[in-house]
Amino acid sequence: MFGAKRDCPFWRGPCVKHECQLYVNLKGKNPQGEEIIDQWGCSFRFLPWLLTENSQMQRQTGAAVESFRNENATVNKVALHALESLIRVARLEARCDPRIKSGEPPKLIDGN
């Protein structure tokens, strides 16, 4: 682990294993392969594995966010085109409304 005598970098002595709070059980899949991990050891020994796993998760999250952004941009374009079409239709209807030609303001809500 840390040298031939497995010296602890904090206590400058031999590893006390389960008596130390930094001695943990790591369970999961090796981020650099397919092997299943279930072993005890110093958390500092596992740090490179955990950093690699964290980097992989960040890449996957970035890809998911980018995919969501692309999908959202497509939906926004469709919504914008639909809104522009509605505005064009409203303008056409306004030109055909006889009340507008007579100078009378159009009613926004039909009624008495």
PDB file of N, CA and C in Angstrom:
ATOM      1  N   MET A   1       0.833  -1.181   0.000  1.00  0.00           N
ATOM      2  CA  MET A   1       0.000   0.000   0.000  1.00  0.00           C
ATOM      3  C   MET A   1       0.877   1.243   0.000  1.00  0.00           C
ATOM      4  N   PHE A   2       1.454   1.621   1.124  1.00  0.00           N
ATOM      5  CA  PHE A   2       2.355   2.767   1.207  1.00  0.00           C
ATOM      6  C   PHE A   2       3.732   2.285   1.652  1.00  0.00           C
ATOM      7  N   GLY A   3       4.512   1.806   0.714  1.00  0.00           N
ATOM      8  CA  GLY A   3       5.843   1.329   1.056  1.00  0.00           C
ATOM      9  C   GLY A   3       5.824  -0.140   1.473  1.00  0.00           C
ATOM     10  N   ALA A   4       6.979  -0.665   1.744  1.00  0.00           N
ATOM     11  CA  ALA A   4       7.106  -2.089   2.072  1.00  0.00           C
ATOM     12  C   ALA A   4       6.448  -2.415   3.413  1.00  0.00           C
ATOM     13  N   LYS A   5       6.466  -1.474   4.345  1.00  0.00           N
ATOM     14  CA  LYS A   5       5.903  -1.728   5.669  1.00  0.00           C
ATOM     15  C   LYS A   5       4.438  -1.308   5.752  1.00  0.00           C
ATOM     16  N   ARG A   6       3.874  -0.865   4.644  1.00  0.00           N
ATOM     17  CA  ARG A   6       2.496  -0.376   4.614  1.00  0.00           C
ATOM     18  C   ARG A   6       2.316   0.747   5.622  1.00  0.00           C
ATOM     19  N   ASP A   7       3.228   1.694   5.593  1.00  0.00           N
ATOM     20  CA  ASP A   7       3.174   2.816   6.527  1.00  0.00           C
ATOM     21  C   ASP A   7       2.041   3.770   6.173  1.00  0.00           C
ATOM     22  N   CYS A   8       1.406   4.291   7.203  1.00  0.00           N
ATOM     23  CA  CYS A   8       0.340   5.267   7.024  1.00  0.00           C
ATOM     24  C   CYS A   8       0.972   6.645   6.810  1.00  0.00           C
ATOM     25  N   PRO A   9       0.542   7.370   5.790  1.00  0.00           N
ATOM     26  CA  PRO A   9       1.144   8.691   5.557  1.00  0.00           C
ATOM     27  C   PRO A   9       0.758   9.705   6.627  1.00  0.00           C
ATOM     28  N   PHE A  10      -0.288   9.444   7.397  1.00  0.00           N
ATOM     29  CA  PHE A  10      -0.694  10.386   8.438  1.00  0.00           C
ATOM     30  C   PHE A  10      -0.062  10.068   9.788  1.00  0.00           C
ATOM     31  N   TRP A  11      -0.070   8.793  10.160  1.00  0.00           N
ATOM     32  CA  TRP A  11       0.407   8.409  11.489  1.00  0.00           C
ATOM     33  C   TRP A  11       1.880   8.025  11.492  1.00  0.00           C
ATOM     34  N   ARG A  12       2.486   7.967  10.309  1.00  0.00           N
ATOM     35  CA  ARG A  12       3.917   7.637  10.176  1.00  0.00           C
ATOM     36  C   ARG A  12       4.262   6.322  10.878  1.00  0.00           C
ATOM     37  N   GLY A  13       3.349   5.381  10.736  1.00  0.00           N
ATOM     38  CA  GLY A  13       3.559   4.076  11.348  1.00  0.00           C
ATOM     39  C   GLY A  13       2.855   3.021  10.527  1.00  0.00           C
ATOM     40  N   PRO A  14       2.796   1.817  11.047  1.00  0.00           N
ATOM     41  CA  PRO A  14       2.120   0.753  10.303  1.00  0.00           C
ATOM     42  C   PRO A  14       0.615   1.015  10.216  1.00  0.00           C
ATOM     43  N   CYS A  15       0.017   0.496   9.157  1.00  0.00           N
ATOM     44  CA  CYS A  15      -1.426   0.640   8.951  1.00  0.00           C
ATOM     45  C   CYS A  15      -2.168  -0.124  10.046  1.00  0.00           C
ATOM     46  N   VAL A  16      -3.143   0.522  10.665  1.00  0.00           N
ATOM     47  CA  VAL A  16      -3.905  -0.122  11.733  1.00  0.00           C
ATOM     48  C   VAL A  16      -5.215  -0.711  11.198  1.00  0.00           C
ATOM     49  N   LYS A  17      -5.380  -0.700   9.901  1.00  0.00           N
ATOM     50  CA  LYS A  17      -6.515  -1.279   9.181  1.00  0.00           C
ATOM     51  C   LYS A  17      -7.852  -0.824   9.753  1.00  0.00           C
ATOM     52  N   HIS A  18      -8.632  -1.758  10.293  1.00  0.00           N
ATOM     53  CA  HIS A  18     -10.010  -1.463  10.689  1.00  0.00           C
ATOM     54  C   HIS A  18     -10.120  -0.470  11.846  1.00  0.00           C
ATOM     55  N   GLU A  19      -9.037  -0.175  12.501  1.00  0.00           N
ATOM     56  CA  GLU A  19      -9.049   0.819  13.576  1.00  0.00           C
ATOM     57  C   GLU A  19      -9.026   2.244  13.009  1.00  0.00           C
ATOM     58  N   CYS A  20      -8.674   2.389  11.749  1.00  0.00           N
ATOM     59  CA  CYS A  20      -8.538   3.705  11.117  1.00  0.00           C
ATOM     60  C   CYS A  20      -9.828   4.062  10.385  1.00  0.00           C
ATOM     61  N   GLN A  21     -10.239   5.318  10.480  1.00  0.00           N
ATOM     62  CA  GLN A  21     -11.442   5.769   9.778  1.00  0.00           C
ATOM     63  C   GLN A  21     -11.231   5.865   8.271  1.00  0.00           C
ATOM     64  N   LEU A  22      -9.998   5.916   7.821  1.00  0.00           N
ATOM     65  CA  LEU A  22      -9.702   5.988   6.391  1.00  0.00           C
ATOM     66  C   LEU A  22      -9.654   4.615   5.743  1.00  0.00           C
ATOM     67  N   TYR A  23      -9.741   3.573   6.522  1.00  0.00           N
ATOM     68  CA  TYR A  23      -9.743   2.200   6.020  1.00  0.00           C
ATOM     69  C   TYR A  23     -11.197   1.836   5.732  1.00  0.00           C
ATOM     70  N   VAL A  24     -11.526   1.724   4.456  1.00  0.00           N
ATOM     71  CA  VAL A  24     -12.929   1.570   4.046  1.00  0.00           C
ATOM     72  C   VAL A  24     -13.107   0.342   3.153  1.00  0.00           C
ATOM     73  N   ASN A  25     -14.364  -0.056   3.015  1.00  0.00           N
ATOM     74  CA  ASN A  25     -14.720  -1.151   2.121  1.00  0.00           C
ATOM     75  C   ASN A  25     -15.249  -0.538   0.830  1.00  0.00           C
ATOM     76  N   LEU A  26     -14.605  -0.825  -0.276  1.00  0.00           N
ATOM     77  CA  LEU A  26     -15.018  -0.305  -1.574  1.00  0.00           C
ATOM     78  C   LEU A  26     -15.712  -1.420  -2.339  1.00  0.00           C
ATOM     79  N   LYS A  27     -16.974  -1.166  -2.724  1.00  0.00           N
ATOM     80  CA  LYS A  27     -17.748  -2.139  -3.498  1.00  0.00           C
ATOM     81  C   LYS A  27     -18.208  -1.467  -4.778  1.00  0.00           C
ATOM     82  N   GLY A  28     -18.174  -2.189  -5.863  1.00  0.00           N
ATOM     83  CA  GLY A  28     -18.640  -1.646  -7.130  1.00  0.00           C
ATOM     84  C   GLY A  28     -17.890  -2.265  -8.284  1.00  0.00           C
ATOM     85  N   LYS A  29     -17.950  -1.580  -9.427  1.00  0.00           N
ATOM     86  CA  LYS A  29     -17.298  -2.059 -10.634  1.00  0.00           C
ATOM     87  C   LYS A  29     -16.070  -1.200 -10.908  1.00  0.00           C
ATOM     88  N   ASN A  30     -15.000  -1.825 -11.283  1.00  0.00           N
ATOM     89  CA  ASN A  30     -13.782  -1.102 -11.630  1.00  0.00           C
ATOM     90  C   ASN A  30     -14.086  -0.183 -12.820  1.00  0.00           C
ATOM     91  N   PRO A  31     -13.870   1.138 -12.699  1.00  0.00           N
ATOM     92  CA  PRO A  31     -14.201   2.046 -13.792  1.00  0.00           C
ATOM     93  C   PRO A  31     -13.347   1.854 -15.037  1.00  0.00           C
ATOM     94  N   GLN A  32     -12.228   1.139 -14.901  1.00  0.00           N
ATOM     95  CA  GLN A  32     -11.356   0.919 -16.047  1.00  0.00           C
ATOM     96  C   GLN A  32     -11.508  -0.480 -16.630  1.00  0.00           C
ATOM     97  N   GLY A  33     -12.458  -1.243 -16.125  1.00  0.00           N
ATOM     98  CA  GLY A  33     -12.671  -2.601 -16.626  1.00  0.00           C
ATOM     99  C   GLY A  33     -14.030  -3.099 -16.206  1.00  0.00           C
ATOM    100  N   GLU A  34     -14.227  -4.409 -16.328  1.00  0.00           N
ATOM    101  CA  GLU A  34     -15.521  -5.012 -16.010  1.00  0.00           C
ATOM    102  C   GLU A  34     -15.520  -5.752 -14.675  1.00  0.00           C
ATOM    103  N   GLU A  35     -14.375  -5.802 -14.009  1.00  0.00           N
ATOM    104  CA  GLU A  35     -14.287  -6.587 -12.790  1.00  0.00           C
ATOM    105  C   GLU A  35     -15.059  -5.929 -11.639  1.00  0.00           C
ATOM    106  N   ILE A  36     -15.642  -6.768 -10.788  1.00  0.00           N
ATOM    107  CA  ILE A  36     -16.378  -6.310  -9.623  1.00  0.00           C
ATOM    108  C   ILE A  36     -15.396  -6.167  -8.463  1.00  0.00           C
ATOM    109  N   ILE A  37     -15.495  -5.056  -7.756  1.00  0.00           N
ATOM    110  CA  ILE A  37     -14.592  -4.765  -6.642  1.00  0.00           C
ATOM    111  C   ILE A  37     -15.366  -4.912  -5.336  1.00  0.00           C
ATOM    112  N   ASP A  38     -14.794  -5.635  -4.388  1.00  0.00           N
ATOM    113  CA  ASP A  38     -15.311  -5.742  -3.026  1.00  0.00           C
ATOM    114  C   ASP A  38     -14.109  -5.985  -2.133  1.00  0.00           C
ATOM    115  N   GLN A  39     -13.463  -4.907  -1.732  1.00  0.00           N
ATOM    116  CA  GLN A  39     -12.251  -5.079  -0.940  1.00  0.00           C
ATOM    117  C   GLN A  39     -12.068  -3.935   0.045  1.00  0.00           C
ATOM    118  N   TRP A  40     -11.348  -4.260   1.089  1.00  0.00           N
ATOM    119  CA  TRP A  40     -10.998  -3.284   2.110  1.00  0.00           C
ATOM    120  C   TRP A  40      -9.649  -2.674   1.778  1.00  0.00           C
ATOM    121  N   GLY A  41      -9.486  -1.416   2.124  1.00  0.00           N
ATOM    122  CA  GLY A  41      -8.201  -0.760   1.930  1.00  0.00           C
ATOM    123  C   GLY A  41      -8.255   0.692   2.356  1.00  0.00           C
ATOM    124  N   CYS A  42      -7.122   1.320   2.287  1.00  0.00           N
ATOM    125  CA  CYS A  42      -7.016   2.734   2.640  1.00  0.00           C
ATOM    126  C   CYS A  42      -7.730   3.568   1.564  1.00  0.00           C
ATOM    127  N   SER A  43      -8.516   4.539   1.992  1.00  0.00           N
ATOM    128  CA  SER A  43      -9.260   5.349   1.034  1.00  0.00           C
ATOM    129  C   SER A  43      -8.325   6.088   0.076  1.00  0.00           C
ATOM    130  N   PHE A  44      -7.116   6.375   0.497  1.00  0.00           N
ATOM    131  CA  PHE A  44      -6.164   7.035  -0.399  1.00  0.00           C
ATOM    132  C   PHE A  44      -5.694   6.099  -1.504  1.00  0.00           C
ATOM    133  N   ARG A  45      -5.702   4.830  -1.243  1.00  0.00           N
ATOM    134  CA  ARG A  45      -5.345   3.856  -2.273  1.00  0.00           C
ATOM    135  C   ARG A  45      -6.427   3.802  -3.347  1.00  0.00           C
ATOM    136  N   PHE A  46      -7.681   4.005  -2.954  1.00  0.00           N
ATOM    137  CA  PHE A  46      -8.792   3.952  -3.900  1.00  0.00           C
ATOM    138  C   PHE A  46      -9.023   5.269  -4.630  1.00  0.00           C
ATOM    139  N   LEU A  47      -8.363   6.308  -4.210  1.00  0.00           N
ATOM    140  CA  LEU A  47      -8.605   7.631  -4.781  1.00  0.00           C
ATOM    141  C   LEU A  47      -8.461   7.695  -6.300  1.00  0.00           C
ATOM    142  N   PRO A  48      -7.430   7.105  -6.922  1.00  0.00           N
ATOM    143  CA  PRO A  48      -7.360   7.145  -8.384  1.00  0.00           C
ATOM    144  C   PRO A  48      -8.561   6.487  -9.065  1.00  0.00           C
ATOM    145  N   TRP A  49      -9.047   5.386  -8.522  1.00  0.00           N
ATOM    146  CA  TRP A  49     -10.232   4.726  -9.088  1.00  0.00           C
ATOM    147  C   TRP A  49     -11.453   5.633  -8.977  1.00  0.00           C
ATOM    148  N   LEU A  50     -11.609   6.247  -7.811  1.00  0.00           N
ATOM    149  CA  LEU A  50     -12.772   7.106  -7.586  1.00  0.00           C
ATOM    150  C   LEU A  50     -12.722   8.350  -8.467  1.00  0.00           C
ATOM    151  N   LEU A  51     -11.542   8.885  -8.666  1.00  0.00           N
ATOM    152  CA  LEU A  51     -11.406  10.047  -9.549  1.00  0.00           C
ATOM    153  C   LEU A  51     -11.730   9.675 -10.994  1.00  0.00           C
ATOM    154  N   THR A  52     -11.292   8.491 -11.415  1.00  0.00           N
ATOM    155  CA  THR A  52     -11.599   8.025 -12.770  1.00  0.00           C
ATOM    156  C   THR A  52     -13.101   7.825 -12.938  1.00  0.00           C
ATOM    157  N   GLU A  53     -13.741   7.223 -11.957  1.00  0.00           N
ATOM    158  CA  GLU A  53     -15.192   7.009 -12.000  1.00  0.00           C
ATOM    159  C   GLU A  53     -15.922   8.346 -12.053  1.00  0.00           C
ATOM    160  N   ASN A  54     -15.468   9.303 -11.251  1.00  0.00           N
ATOM    161  CA  ASN A  54     -16.081  10.633 -11.234  1.00  0.00           C
ATOM    162  C   ASN A  54     -15.953  11.305 -12.600  1.00  0.00           C
ATOM    163  N   SER A  55     -14.813  11.172 -13.232  1.00  0.00           N
ATOM    164  CA  SER A  55     -14.621  11.761 -14.566  1.00  0.00           C
ATOM    165  C   SER A  55     -15.561  11.130 -15.582  1.00  0.00           C
ATOM    166  N   GLN A  56     -15.735   9.824 -15.506  1.00  0.00           N
ATOM    167  CA  GLN A  56     -16.661   9.146 -16.428  1.00  0.00           C
ATOM    168  C   GLN A  56     -18.093   9.627 -16.212  1.00  0.00           C
ATOM    169  N   MET A  57     -18.487   9.784 -14.963  1.00  0.00           N
ATOM    170  CA  MET A  57     -19.844  10.253 -14.671  1.00  0.00           C
ATOM    171  C   MET A  57     -20.039  11.683 -15.179  1.00  0.00           C
ATOM    172  N   GLN A  58     -19.018  12.515 -15.061  1.00  0.00           N
ATOM    173  CA  GLN A  58     -19.123  13.887 -15.559  1.00  0.00           C
ATOM    174  C   GLN A  58     -19.258  13.908 -17.073  1.00  0.00           C
ATOM    175  N   ARG A  59     -18.528  13.041 -17.766  1.00  0.00           N
ATOM    176  CA  ARG A  59     -18.652  12.975 -19.224  1.00  0.00           C
ATOM    177  C   ARG A  59     -20.053  12.522 -19.623  1.00  0.00           C
ATOM    178  N   GLN A  60     -20.582  11.532 -18.931  1.00  0.00           N
ATOM    179  CA  GLN A  60     -21.932  11.050 -19.244  1.00  0.00           C
ATOM    180  C   GLN A  60     -22.974  12.133 -18.961  1.00  0.00           C
ATOM    181  N   THR A  61     -22.796  12.862 -17.876  1.00  0.00           N
ATOM    182  CA  THR A  61     -23.728  13.940 -17.549  1.00  0.00           C
ATOM    183  C   THR A  61     -23.649  15.046 -18.593  1.00  0.00           C
ATOM    184  N   GLY A  62     -22.437  15.392 -19.018  1.00  0.00           N
ATOM    185  CA  GLY A  62     -22.280  16.409 -20.057  1.00  0.00           C
ATOM    186  C   GLY A  62     -22.941  16.001 -21.356  1.00  0.00           C
ATOM    187  N   ALA A  63     -22.818  14.744 -21.724  1.00  0.00           N
ATOM    188  CA  ALA A  63     -23.450  14.253 -22.958  1.00  0.00           C
ATOM    189  C   ALA A  63     -24.971  14.299 -22.833  1.00  0.00           C
ATOM    190  N   ALA A  64     -25.495  13.951 -21.661  1.00  0.00           N
ATOM    191  CA  ALA A  64     -26.948  13.979 -21.458  1.00  0.00           C
ATOM    192  C   ALA A  64     -27.474  15.410 -21.502  1.00  0.00           C
ATOM    193  N   VAL A  65     -26.742  16.340 -20.906  1.00  0.00           N
ATOM    194  CA  VAL A  65     -27.161  17.745 -20.926  1.00  0.00           C
ATOM    195  C   VAL A  65     -27.128  18.286 -22.353  1.00  0.00           C
ATOM    196  N   GLU A  66     -26.106  17.941 -23.116  1.00  0.00           N
ATOM    197  CA  GLU A  66     -26.016  18.401 -24.500  1.00  0.00           C
ATOM    198  C   GLU A  66     -27.158  17.834 -25.336  1.00  0.00           C
ATOM    199  N   SER A  67     -27.486  16.574 -25.132  1.00  0.00           N
ATOM    200  CA  SER A  67     -28.594  15.956 -25.850  1.00  0.00           C
ATOM    201  C   SER A  67     -29.911  16.647 -25.501  1.00  0.00           C
ATOM    202  N   PHE A  68     -30.111  16.931 -24.229  1.00  0.00           N
ATOM    203  CA  PHE A  68     -31.320  17.639 -23.796  1.00  0.00           C
ATOM    204  C   PHE A  68     -31.377  19.033 -24.405  1.00  0.00           C
ATOM    205  N   ARG A  69     -30.253  19.728 -24.439  1.00  0.00           N
ATOM    206  CA  ARG A  69     -30.215  21.066 -25.019  1.00  0.00           C
ATOM    207  C   ARG A  69     -30.578  21.027 -26.496  1.00  0.00           C
ATOM    208  N   ASN A  70     -30.048  20.058 -27.211  1.00  0.00           N
ATOM    209  CA  ASN A  70     -30.362  19.938 -28.641  1.00  0.00           C
ATOM    210  C   ASN A  70     -31.846  19.659 -28.862  1.00  0.00           C
ATOM    211  N   GLU A  71     -32.411  18.777 -28.063  1.00  0.00           N
ATOM    212  CA  GLU A  71     -33.838  18.465 -28.183  1.00  0.00           C
ATOM    213  C   GLU A  71     -34.686  19.679 -27.835  1.00  0.00           C
ATOM    214  N   ASN A  72     -34.286  20.390 -26.797  1.00  0.00           N
ATOM    215  CA  ASN A  72     -35.008  21.583 -26.370  1.00  0.00           C
ATOM    216  C   ASN A  72     -34.935  22.670 -27.445  1.00  0.00           C
ATOM    217  N   ALA A  73     -33.796  22.823 -28.095  1.00  0.00           N
ATOM    218  CA  ALA A  73     -33.657  23.815 -29.159  1.00  0.00           C
ATOM    219  C   ALA A  73     -34.573  23.482 -30.327  1.00  0.00           C
ATOM    220  N   THR A  74     -34.695  22.204 -30.661  1.00  0.00           N
ATOM    221  CA  THR A  74     -35.586  21.777 -31.745  1.00  0.00           C
ATOM    222  C   THR A  74     -37.040  22.090 -31.401  1.00  0.00           C
ATOM    223  N   VAL A  75     -37.441  21.780 -30.179  1.00  0.00           N
ATOM    224  CA  VAL A  75     -38.816  22.049 -29.752  1.00  0.00           C
ATOM    225  C   VAL A  75     -39.082  23.554 -29.757  1.00  0.00           C
ATOM    226  N   ASN A  76     -38.121  24.350 -29.323  1.00  0.00           N
ATOM    227  CA  ASN A  76     -38.292  25.804 -29.317  1.00  0.00           C
ATOM    228  C   ASN A  76     -38.460  26.346 -30.731  1.00  0.00           C
ATOM    229  N   LYS A  77     -37.724  25.807 -31.699  1.00  0.00           N
ATOM    230  CA  LYS A  77     -37.869  26.246 -33.093  1.00  0.00           C
ATOM    231  C   LYS A  77     -39.267  25.945 -33.613  1.00  0.00           C
ATOM    232  N   VAL A  78     -39.771  24.747 -33.309  1.00  0.00           N
ATOM    233  CA  VAL A  78     -41.118  24.371 -33.752  1.00  0.00           C
ATOM    234  C   VAL A  78     -42.154  25.300 -33.111  1.00  0.00           C
ATOM    235  N   ALA A  79     -42.011  25.573 -31.826  1.00  0.00           N
ATOM    236  CA  ALA A  79     -42.954  26.459 -31.139  1.00  0.00           C
ATOM    237  C   ALA A  79     -42.895  27.870 -31.718  1.00  0.00           C
ATOM    238  N   LEU A  80     -41.706  28.345 -32.034  1.00  0.00           N
ATOM    239  CA  LEU A  80     -41.555  29.681 -32.606  1.00  0.00           C
ATOM    240  C   LEU A  80     -42.213  29.754 -33.986  1.00  0.00           C
ATOM    241  N   HIS A  81     -42.041  28.740 -34.800  1.00  0.00           N
ATOM    242  CA  HIS A  81     -42.683  28.713 -36.120  1.00  0.00           C
ATOM    243  C   HIS A  81     -44.206  28.682 -35.979  1.00  0.00           C
ATOM    244  N   ALA A  82     -44.716  27.924 -35.016  1.00  0.00           N
ATOM    245  CA  ALA A  82     -46.164  27.874 -34.791  1.00  0.00           C
ATOM    246  C   ALA A  82     -46.695  29.236 -34.363  1.00  0.00           C
ATOM    247  N   LEU A  83     -45.972  29.914 -33.503  1.00  0.00           N
ATOM    248  CA  LEU A  83     -46.377  31.247 -33.048  1.00  0.00           C
ATOM    249  C   LEU A  83     -46.350  32.248 -34.200  1.00  0.00           C
ATOM    250  N   GLU A  84     -45.315  32.177 -35.020  1.00  0.00           N
ATOM    251  CA  GLU A  84     -45.243  33.074 -36.187  1.00  0.00           C
ATOM    252  C   GLU A  84     -46.410  32.819 -37.135  1.00  0.00           C
ATOM    253  N   SER A  85     -46.794  31.554 -37.316  1.00  0.00           N
ATOM    254  CA  SER A  85     -47.938  31.225 -38.173  1.00  0.00           C
ATOM    255  C   SER A  85     -49.231  31.792 -37.597  1.00  0.00           C
ATOM    256  N   LEU A  86     -49.403  31.695 -36.293  1.00  0.00           N
ATOM    257  CA  LEU A  86     -50.600  32.258 -35.663  1.00  0.00           C
ATOM    258  C   LEU A  86     -50.666  33.771 -35.832  1.00  0.00           C
ATOM    259  N   ILE A  87     -49.531  34.420 -35.722  1.00  0.00           N
ATOM    260  CA  ILE A  87     -49.499  35.877 -35.902  1.00  0.00           C
ATOM    261  C   ILE A  87     -49.878  36.231 -37.332  1.00  0.00           C
ATOM    262  N   ARG A  88     -49.371  35.476 -38.308  1.00  0.00           N
ATOM    263  CA  ARG A  88     -49.728  35.743 -39.712  1.00  0.00           C
ATOM    264  C   ARG A  88     -51.221  35.553 -39.953  1.00  0.00           C
ATOM    265  N   VAL A  89     -51.796  34.496 -39.381  1.00  0.00           N
ATOM    266  CA  VAL A  89     -53.234  34.246 -39.532  1.00  0.00           C
ATOM    267  C   VAL A  89     -54.028  35.372 -38.883  1.00  0.00           C
ATOM    268  N   ALA A  90     -53.624  35.812 -37.709  1.00  0.00           N
ATOM    269  CA  ALA A  90     -54.336  36.900 -37.029  1.00  0.00           C
ATOM    270  C   ALA A  90     -54.286  38.179 -37.856  1.00  0.00           C
ATOM    271  N   ARG A  91     -53.156  38.455 -38.489  1.00  0.00           N
ATOM    272  CA  ARG A  91     -53.044  39.653 -39.336  1.00  0.00           C
ATOM    273  C   ARG A  91     -53.944  39.544 -40.562  1.00  0.00           C
ATOM    274  N   LEU A  92     -54.017  38.345 -41.155  1.00  0.00           N
ATOM    275  CA  LEU A  92     -54.900  38.146 -42.308  1.00  0.00           C
ATOM    276  C   LEU A  92     -56.358  38.330 -41.910  1.00  0.00           C
ATOM    277  N   GLU A  93     -56.748  37.792 -40.780  1.00  0.00           N
ATOM    278  CA  GLU A  93     -58.120  37.950 -40.311  1.00  0.00           C
ATOM    279  C   GLU A  93     -58.436  39.407 -40.029  1.00  0.00           C
ATOM    280  N   ALA A  94     -57.466  40.127 -39.491  1.00  0.00           N
ATOM    281  CA  ALA A  94     -57.692  41.539 -39.186  1.00  0.00           C
ATOM    282  C   ALA A  94     -57.925  42.329 -40.462  1.00  0.00           C
ATOM    283  N   ARG A  95     -57.223  41.989 -41.539  1.00  0.00           N
ATOM    284  CA  ARG A  95     -57.407  42.700 -42.808  1.00  0.00           C
ATOM    285  C   ARG A  95     -58.773  42.411 -43.423  1.00  0.00           C
ATOM    286  N   CYS A  96     -59.316  41.224 -43.167  1.00  0.00           N
ATOM    287  CA  CYS A  96     -60.602  40.831 -43.748  1.00  0.00           C
ATOM    288  C   CYS A  96     -61.791  41.253 -42.885  1.00  0.00           C
ATOM    289  N   ASP A  97     -61.555  41.733 -41.681  1.00  0.00           N
ATOM    290  CA  ASP A  97     -62.643  42.096 -40.761  1.00  0.00           C
ATOM    291  C   ASP A  97     -63.284  43.407 -41.216  1.00  0.00           C
ATOM    292  N   PRO A  98     -64.606  43.420 -41.529  1.00  0.00           N
ATOM    293  CA  PRO A  98     -65.267  44.633 -42.013  1.00  0.00           C
ATOM    294  C   PRO A  98     -65.317  45.730 -40.959  1.00  0.00           C
ATOM    295  N   ARG A  99     -65.270  45.397 -39.683  1.00  0.00           N
ATOM    296  CA  ARG A  99     -65.304  46.420 -38.633  1.00  0.00           C
ATOM    297  C   ARG A  99     -64.043  47.272 -38.656  1.00  0.00           C
ATOM    298  N   ILE A 100     -62.924  46.653 -39.042  1.00  0.00           N
ATOM    299  CA  ILE A 100     -61.679  47.415 -39.092  1.00  0.00           C
ATOM    300  C   ILE A 100     -61.729  48.425 -40.225  1.00  0.00           C
ATOM    301  N   LYS A 101     -62.302  48.041 -41.366  1.00  0.00           N
ATOM    302  CA  LYS A 101     -62.382  48.938 -42.512  1.00  0.00           C
ATOM    303  C   LYS A 101     -63.294  50.133 -42.214  1.00  0.00           C
ATOM    304  N   SER A 102     -64.302  49.916 -41.364  1.00  0.00           N
ATOM    305  CA  SER A 102     -65.234  50.996 -41.051  1.00  0.00           C
ATOM    306  C   SER A 102     -64.701  51.912 -39.970  1.00  0.00           C
ATOM    307  N   GLY A 103     -63.566  51.588 -39.367  1.00  0.00           N
ATOM    308  CA  GLY A 103     -62.985  52.425 -38.331  1.00  0.00           C
ATOM    309  C   GLY A 103     -63.374  51.994 -36.933  1.00  0.00           C
ATOM    310  N   GLU A 104     -64.264  51.053 -36.814  1.00  0.00           N
ATOM    311  CA  GLU A 104     -64.698  50.557 -35.512  1.00  0.00           C
ATOM    312  C   GLU A 104     -63.628  49.602 -34.978  1.00  0.00           C
ATOM    313  N   PRO A 105     -63.225  49.794 -33.756  1.00  0.00           N
ATOM    314  CA  PRO A 105     -62.199  48.879 -33.201  1.00  0.00           C
ATOM    315  C   PRO A 105     -62.767  47.483 -33.039  1.00  0.00           C
ATOM    316  N   PRO A 106     -61.985  46.456 -33.359  1.00  0.00           N
ATOM    317  CA  PRO A 106     -62.501  45.086 -33.221  1.00  0.00           C
ATOM    318  C   PRO A 106     -62.639  44.707 -31.745  1.00  0.00           C
ATOM    319  N   LYS A 107     -63.642  43.862 -31.466  1.00  0.00           N
ATOM    320  CA  LYS A 107     -63.816  43.362 -30.110  1.00  0.00           C
ATOM    321  C   LYS A 107     -62.900  42.152 -29.927  1.00  0.00           C
ATOM    322  N   LEU A 108     -62.269  42.106 -28.800  1.00  0.00           N
ATOM    323  CA  LEU A 108     -61.397  40.973 -28.515  1.00  0.00           C
ATOM    324  C   LEU A 108     -62.203  39.765 -28.080  1.00  0.00           C
ATOM    325  N   ILE A 109     -63.345  39.997 -27.443  1.00  0.00           N
ATOM    326  CA  ILE A 109     -64.208  38.917 -27.003  1.00  0.00           C
ATOM    327  C   ILE A 109     -65.574  39.176 -27.612  1.00  0.00           C
ATOM    328  N   ASP A 110     -66.119  38.163 -28.291  1.00  0.00           N
ATOM    329  CA  ASP A 110     -67.453  38.315 -28.884  1.00  0.00           C
ATOM    330  C   ASP A 110     -68.496  38.392 -27.767  1.00  0.00           C
ATOM    331  N   GLY A 111     -69.514  39.169 -27.977  1.00  0.00           N
ATOM    332  CA  GLY A 111     -70.589  39.301 -27.009  1.00  0.00           C
ATOM    333  C   GLY A 111     -71.381  40.555 -27.296  1.00  0.00           C
ATOM    334  N   ASN A 112     -72.317  40.882 -26.407  1.00  0.00           N
ATOM    335  CA  ASN A 112     -73.172  42.067 -26.584  1.00  0.00           C
ATOM    336  C   ASN A 112     -72.433  43.343 -26.290  1.00  0.00           C
TER     337      ASN A 112
END
